[in-house]
Amino acid sequence: MGASVCYDYLSHYQNVDAVMAIDQSPKMLNDVDWPYGFESITNADFSEKLNYPDEVHETLHGLDRRITLALNRVRSQYPFDRNQNMTLLFDHAQKDWRRILLKSSIPVTLVTARQSPYFDYHFADSLVDQNSLIKQVVVDNCGHDITAEVPELFNQTLRHFIFSSTKKR
């Protein structure tokens, strides 16, 4: 959902140098014109399907053990309550940020996972083709949790993004 926060910000402001989104389609609901949403959910069934935790394994090879230790500490300190967050999840699922991305004058880097269980990484192709400021980085041999499954590769991608974004100033 973090990418949606960035997209919403871009819908109101253009005072950032660049935006990076990580394995998040700008439209969660699939339809005839957009087959790249979350799994197979559509407008007709999203509220039913999102009411229950997904049984899909988010990673391809599991989380990096260094990340797992820190994640478990945070999870115990700040447990996630799915029921308290359903309103946010439903709102998120109904958003369509494609127009915002396509008209953006801010460079956007979409980091996608080739083996994501949630999103077909080709969603970025259609956006890249329509706005030259949108770039895609495809991470191979990785599931949805790119930052935690392949942290070194992600950190290298992030460093490149930061350095290339600051050069343009």
C-alpha atoms as a PDB file:
ATOM      1  CA  MET A   1       0.000   0.000   0.000  1.00  0.00           C
ATOM      2  CA  GLY A   2       2.987   2.316   0.340  1.00  0.00           C
ATOM      3  CA  ALA A   3       3.032   3.086  -3.363  1.00  0.00           C
ATOM      4  CA  SER A   4      -0.528   4.376  -3.111  1.00  0.00           C
ATOM      5  CA  VAL A   5       0.614   6.917  -0.530  1.00  0.00           C
ATOM      6  CA  CYS A   6       3.192   8.170  -3.037  1.00  0.00           C
ATOM      7  CA  TYR A   7       0.644   8.240  -5.860  1.00  0.00           C
ATOM      8  CA  ASP A   8      -1.825  10.164  -3.734  1.00  0.00           C
ATOM      9  CA  TYR A   9       0.910  12.655  -2.856  1.00  0.00           C
ATOM     10  CA  LEU A  10       1.659  13.109  -6.577  1.00  0.00           C
ATOM     11  CA  SER A  11      -2.024  13.775  -7.188  1.00  0.00           C
ATOM     12  CA  HIS A  12      -1.748  16.861  -4.963  1.00  0.00           C
ATOM     13  CA  TYR A  13       1.887  17.970  -5.104  1.00  0.00           C
ATOM     14  CA  GLN A  14       4.818  17.890  -7.497  1.00  0.00           C
ATOM     15  CA  ASN A  15       7.475  19.023  -5.014  1.00  0.00           C
ATOM     16  CA  VAL A  16       9.536  15.841  -4.921  1.00  0.00           C
ATOM     17  CA  ASP A  17      12.470  14.922  -7.152  1.00  0.00           C
ATOM     18  CA  ALA A  18      11.392  11.334  -7.813  1.00  0.00           C
ATOM     19  CA  VAL A  19       9.188   8.489  -6.583  1.00  0.00           C
ATOM     20  CA  MET A  20       9.887   4.773  -6.234  1.00  0.00           C
ATOM     21  CA  ALA A  21       7.129   2.182  -5.959  1.00  0.00           C
ATOM     22  CA  ILE A  22       7.829  -1.423  -5.026  1.00  0.00           C
ATOM     23  CA  ASP A  23       5.781  -4.251  -6.546  1.00  0.00           C
ATOM     24  CA  GLN A  24       2.470  -2.421  -6.468  1.00  0.00           C
ATOM     25  CA  SER A  25       0.106  -2.093  -9.390  1.00  0.00           C
ATOM     26  CA  PRO A  26      -1.461   1.374  -9.593  1.00  0.00           C
ATOM     27  CA  LYS A  27      -4.854  -0.322  -9.949  1.00  0.00           C
ATOM     28  CA  MET A  28      -5.763  -3.256  -7.728  1.00  0.00           C
ATOM     29  CA  LEU A  29      -8.961  -4.304  -9.467  1.00  0.00           C
ATOM     30  CA  ASN A  30      -8.763  -6.329 -12.655  1.00  0.00           C
ATOM     31  CA  ASP A  31     -11.077  -5.602 -15.553  1.00  0.00           C
ATOM     32  CA  VAL A  32     -11.200  -6.002 -19.330  1.00  0.00           C
ATOM     33  CA  ASP A  33      -8.755  -3.125 -19.854  1.00  0.00           C
ATOM     34  CA  TRP A  34      -6.462  -3.852 -16.884  1.00  0.00           C
ATOM     35  CA  PRO A  35      -5.480  -7.499 -16.250  1.00  0.00           C
ATOM     36  CA  TYR A  36      -2.636  -6.461 -13.910  1.00  0.00           C
ATOM     37  CA  GLY A  37      -4.458  -5.955 -10.625  1.00  0.00           C
ATOM     38  CA  PHE A  38      -4.077  -7.864  -7.384  1.00  0.00           C
ATOM     39  CA  GLU A  39      -4.316 -11.583  -8.064  1.00  0.00           C
ATOM     40  CA  SER A  40      -7.664 -12.043  -9.807  1.00  0.00           C
ATOM     41  CA  ILE A  41      -9.888  -9.667  -7.824  1.00  0.00           C
ATOM     42  CA  THR A  42     -12.445  -7.546  -9.626  1.00  0.00           C
ATOM     43  CA  ASN A  43     -14.923  -4.869  -8.668  1.00  0.00           C
ATOM     44  CA  ALA A  44     -17.557  -7.580  -8.288  1.00  0.00           C
ATOM     45  CA  ASP A  45     -15.685  -9.721  -5.761  1.00  0.00           C
ATOM     46  CA  PHE A  46     -12.972  -7.651  -4.054  1.00  0.00           C
ATOM     47  CA  SER A  47     -14.878  -7.010  -0.819  1.00  0.00           C
ATOM     48  CA  GLU A  48     -15.505 -10.718  -0.359  1.00  0.00           C
ATOM     49  CA  LYS A  49     -11.966 -11.816  -1.282  1.00  0.00           C
ATOM     50  CA  LEU A  50     -10.177  -9.154   0.760  1.00  0.00           C
ATOM     51  CA  ASN A  51     -12.146  -9.942   3.913  1.00  0.00           C
ATOM     52  CA  TYR A  52      -9.933 -12.949   4.563  1.00  0.00           C
ATOM     53  CA  PRO A  53      -6.157 -13.224   4.782  1.00  0.00           C
ATOM     54  CA  ASP A  54      -4.581 -14.513   1.594  1.00  0.00           C
ATOM     55  CA  GLU A  55      -2.991 -17.948   1.814  1.00  0.00           C
ATOM     56  CA  VAL A  56      -0.456 -17.114  -0.917  1.00  0.00           C
ATOM     57  CA  HIS A  57       3.224 -17.207   0.055  1.00  0.00           C
ATOM     58  CA  GLU A  58       4.534 -13.676  -0.577  1.00  0.00           C
ATOM     59  CA  THR A  59       8.140 -14.658  -1.187  1.00  0.00           C
ATOM     60  CA  LEU A  60       9.770 -17.043  -3.607  1.00  0.00           C
ATOM     61  CA  HIS A  61      12.608 -18.146  -1.294  1.00  0.00           C
ATOM     62  CA  GLY A  62      11.571 -16.778   2.097  1.00  0.00           C
ATOM     63  CA  LEU A  63      12.793 -13.664   3.850  1.00  0.00           C
ATOM     64  CA  ASP A  64      16.452 -12.919   4.430  1.00  0.00           C
ATOM     65  CA  ARG A  65      17.133 -14.133   7.986  1.00  0.00           C
ATOM     66  CA  ARG A  66      18.566 -10.764   9.048  1.00  0.00           C
ATOM     67  CA  ILE A  67      15.269  -9.142   8.089  1.00  0.00           C
ATOM     68  CA  THR A  68      13.205 -11.845   9.798  1.00  0.00           C
ATOM     69  CA  LEU A  69      14.732 -11.143  13.210  1.00  0.00           C
ATOM     70  CA  ALA A  70      13.996  -7.413  13.039  1.00  0.00           C
ATOM     71  CA  LEU A  71      10.548  -8.009  11.549  1.00  0.00           C
ATOM     72  CA  ASN A  72       9.558 -10.389  14.328  1.00  0.00           C
ATOM     73  CA  ARG A  73      10.587  -7.823  16.962  1.00  0.00           C
ATOM     74  CA  VAL A  74       8.468  -5.138  15.324  1.00  0.00           C
ATOM     75  CA  ARG A  75       5.521  -7.504  14.861  1.00  0.00           C
ATOM     76  CA  SER A  76       5.526  -8.333  18.559  1.00  0.00           C
ATOM     77  CA  GLN A  77       5.700  -4.648  19.548  1.00  0.00           C
ATOM     78  CA  TYR A  78       3.090  -3.480  17.014  1.00  0.00           C
ATOM     79  CA  PRO A  79       0.769  -6.339  16.091  1.00  0.00           C
ATOM     80  CA  PHE A  80      -1.282  -5.855  12.941  1.00  0.00           C
ATOM     81  CA  ASP A  81      -5.044  -5.976  13.416  1.00  0.00           C
ATOM     82  CA  ARG A  82      -6.601  -6.821  10.059  1.00  0.00           C
ATOM     83  CA  ASN A  83     -10.133  -5.926  11.165  1.00  0.00           C
ATOM     84  CA  GLN A  84      -9.091  -2.415  12.206  1.00  0.00           C
ATOM     85  CA  ASN A  85      -7.573  -1.853   8.779  1.00  0.00           C
ATOM     86  CA  MET A  86     -10.327  -3.149   6.497  1.00  0.00           C
ATOM     87  CA  THR A  87     -11.652   0.332   5.682  1.00  0.00           C
ATOM     88  CA  LEU A  88      -8.175   1.367   4.548  1.00  0.00           C
ATOM     89  CA  LEU A  89      -7.712  -1.842   2.545  1.00  0.00           C
ATOM     90  CA  PHE A  90     -11.066  -1.463   0.780  1.00  0.00           C
ATOM     91  CA  ASP A  91     -10.338   2.180  -0.039  1.00  0.00           C
ATOM     92  CA  HIS A  92      -6.900   1.223  -1.346  1.00  0.00           C
ATOM     93  CA  ALA A  93      -8.342  -1.559  -3.511  1.00  0.00           C
ATOM     94  CA  GLN A  94     -10.746   0.791  -5.256  1.00  0.00           C
ATOM     95  CA  LYS A  95      -8.165   3.419  -6.242  1.00  0.00           C
ATOM     96  CA  ASP A  96      -6.884   3.770  -9.787  1.00  0.00           C
ATOM     97  CA  TRP A  97      -3.654   5.772  -9.878  1.00  0.00           C
ATOM     98  CA  ARG A  98      -2.803   5.207 -13.549  1.00  0.00           C
ATOM     99  CA  ARG A  99      -3.916   8.675 -14.648  1.00  0.00           C
ATOM    100  CA  ILE A 100      -1.756  10.289 -11.967  1.00  0.00           C
ATOM    101  CA  LEU A 101       1.280   8.308 -13.082  1.00  0.00           C
ATOM    102  CA  LEU A 102       0.723   8.938 -16.756  1.00  0.00           C
ATOM    103  CA  LYS A 103       0.481  12.702 -16.319  1.00  0.00           C
ATOM    104  CA  SER A 104       3.295  12.919 -13.782  1.00  0.00           C
ATOM    105  CA  SER A 105       6.168  15.266 -14.548  1.00  0.00           C
ATOM    106  CA  ILE A 106       8.116  13.621 -11.717  1.00  0.00           C
ATOM    107  CA  PRO A 107      10.318  10.610 -12.536  1.00  0.00           C
ATOM    108  CA  VAL A 108       8.797   7.381 -11.210  1.00  0.00           C
ATOM    109  CA  THR A 109      10.678   4.115 -10.837  1.00  0.00           C
ATOM    110  CA  LEU A 110       8.560   0.983 -10.597  1.00  0.00           C
ATOM    111  CA  VAL A 111      10.445  -1.892  -8.989  1.00  0.00           C
ATOM    112  CA  THR A 112       8.589  -5.073  -9.884  1.00  0.00           C
ATOM    113  CA  ALA A 113       9.107  -8.726  -8.986  1.00  0.00           C
ATOM    114  CA  ARG A 114       8.999 -11.101 -11.926  1.00  0.00           C
ATOM    115  CA  GLN A 115       7.659 -13.897  -9.685  1.00  0.00           C
ATOM    116  CA  SER A 116       5.314 -11.805  -7.530  1.00  0.00           C
ATOM    117  CA  PRO A 117       2.304 -13.873  -6.482  1.00  0.00           C
ATOM    118  CA  TYR A 118       0.184 -10.716  -6.370  1.00  0.00           C
ATOM    119  CA  PHE A 119       0.914  -8.678  -9.491  1.00  0.00           C
ATOM    120  CA  ASP A 120       1.912  -9.444 -13.052  1.00  0.00           C
ATOM    121  CA  TYR A 121       5.061  -7.374 -13.439  1.00  0.00           C
ATOM    122  CA  HIS A 122       4.000  -6.435 -16.980  1.00  0.00           C
ATOM    123  CA  PHE A 123       1.725  -3.780 -15.475  1.00  0.00           C
ATOM    124  CA  ALA A 124       4.715  -1.448 -15.590  1.00  0.00           C
ATOM    125  CA  ASP A 125       5.242  -1.991 -19.331  1.00  0.00           C
ATOM    126  CA  SER A 126       2.029  -0.224 -20.274  1.00  0.00           C
ATOM    127  CA  LEU A 127       2.919   2.749 -18.078  1.00  0.00           C
ATOM    128  CA  VAL A 128       6.523   2.981 -19.287  1.00  0.00           C
ATOM    129  CA  ASP A 129       5.256   3.029 -22.877  1.00  0.00           C
ATOM    130  CA  GLN A 130       3.012   6.019 -22.142  1.00  0.00           C
ATOM    131  CA  ASN A 131       5.260   8.248 -20.008  1.00  0.00           C
ATOM    132  CA  SER A 132       9.007   8.525 -20.625  1.00  0.00           C
ATOM    133  CA  LEU A 133       9.553   9.573 -17.002  1.00  0.00           C
ATOM    134  CA  ILE A 134       8.420   6.159 -15.769  1.00  0.00           C
ATOM    135  CA  LYS A 135      11.146   3.527 -15.527  1.00  0.00           C
ATOM    136  CA  GLN A 136      10.911  -0.106 -14.560  1.00  0.00           C
ATOM    137  CA  VAL A 137      13.364  -2.299 -12.687  1.00  0.00           C
ATOM    138  CA  VAL A 138      12.418  -5.984 -12.833  1.00  0.00           C
ATOM    139  CA  VAL A 139      13.811  -8.125 -10.030  1.00  0.00           C
ATOM    140  CA  ASP A 140      14.122 -11.749 -11.060  1.00  0.00           C
ATOM    141  CA  ASN A 141      14.041 -14.794  -8.801  1.00  0.00           C
ATOM    142  CA  CYS A 142      12.078 -12.959  -6.115  1.00  0.00           C
ATOM    143  CA  GLY A 143       8.527 -12.731  -4.801  1.00  0.00           C
ATOM    144  CA  HIS A 144       6.513  -9.714  -3.637  1.00  0.00           C
ATOM    145  CA  ASP A 145       8.648  -8.766  -0.611  1.00  0.00           C
ATOM    146  CA  ILE A 146      11.609  -7.547  -2.644  1.00  0.00           C
ATOM    147  CA  THR A 147      13.098  -5.416   0.140  1.00  0.00           C
ATOM    148  CA  ALA A 148      13.127  -8.321   2.592  1.00  0.00           C
ATOM    149  CA  GLU A 149      13.802 -11.242   0.269  1.00  0.00           C
ATOM    150  CA  VAL A 150      16.783  -9.783  -1.618  1.00  0.00           C
ATOM    151  CA  PRO A 151      17.884  -6.828   0.535  1.00  0.00           C
ATOM    152  CA  GLU A 152      21.328  -6.389  -1.056  1.00  0.00           C
ATOM    153  CA  LEU A 153      19.892  -6.231  -4.560  1.00  0.00           C
ATOM    154  CA  PHE A 154      17.132  -3.915  -3.434  1.00  0.00           C
ATOM    155  CA  ASN A 155      19.561  -1.637  -1.597  1.00  0.00           C
ATOM    156  CA  GLN A 156      21.709  -1.430  -4.744  1.00  0.00           C
ATOM    157  CA  THR A 157      18.588  -0.503  -6.740  1.00  0.00           C
ATOM    158  CA  LEU A 158      17.631   2.088  -4.132  1.00  0.00           C
ATOM    159  CA  ARG A 159      21.129   3.613  -4.124  1.00  0.00           C
ATOM    160  CA  HIS A 160      21.046   3.922  -7.906  1.00  0.00           C
ATOM    161  CA  PHE A 161      17.596   5.530  -7.694  1.00  0.00           C
ATOM    162  CA  ILE A 162      18.750   8.042  -5.062  1.00  0.00           C
ATOM    163  CA  PHE A 163      21.969   8.951  -6.848  1.00  0.00           C
ATOM    164  CA  SER A 164      20.304   9.292 -10.252  1.00  0.00           C
ATOM    165  CA  SER A 165      17.517  11.407  -8.712  1.00  0.00           C
ATOM    166  CA  THR A 166      19.911  13.794  -6.984  1.00  0.00           C
ATOM    167  CA  LYS A 167      22.070  14.272 -10.109  1.00  0.00           C
ATOM    168  CA  LYS A 168      19.179  16.007 -11.834  1.00  0.00           C
ATOM    169  CA  ARG A 169      19.057  18.873  -9.330  1.00  0.00           C
END
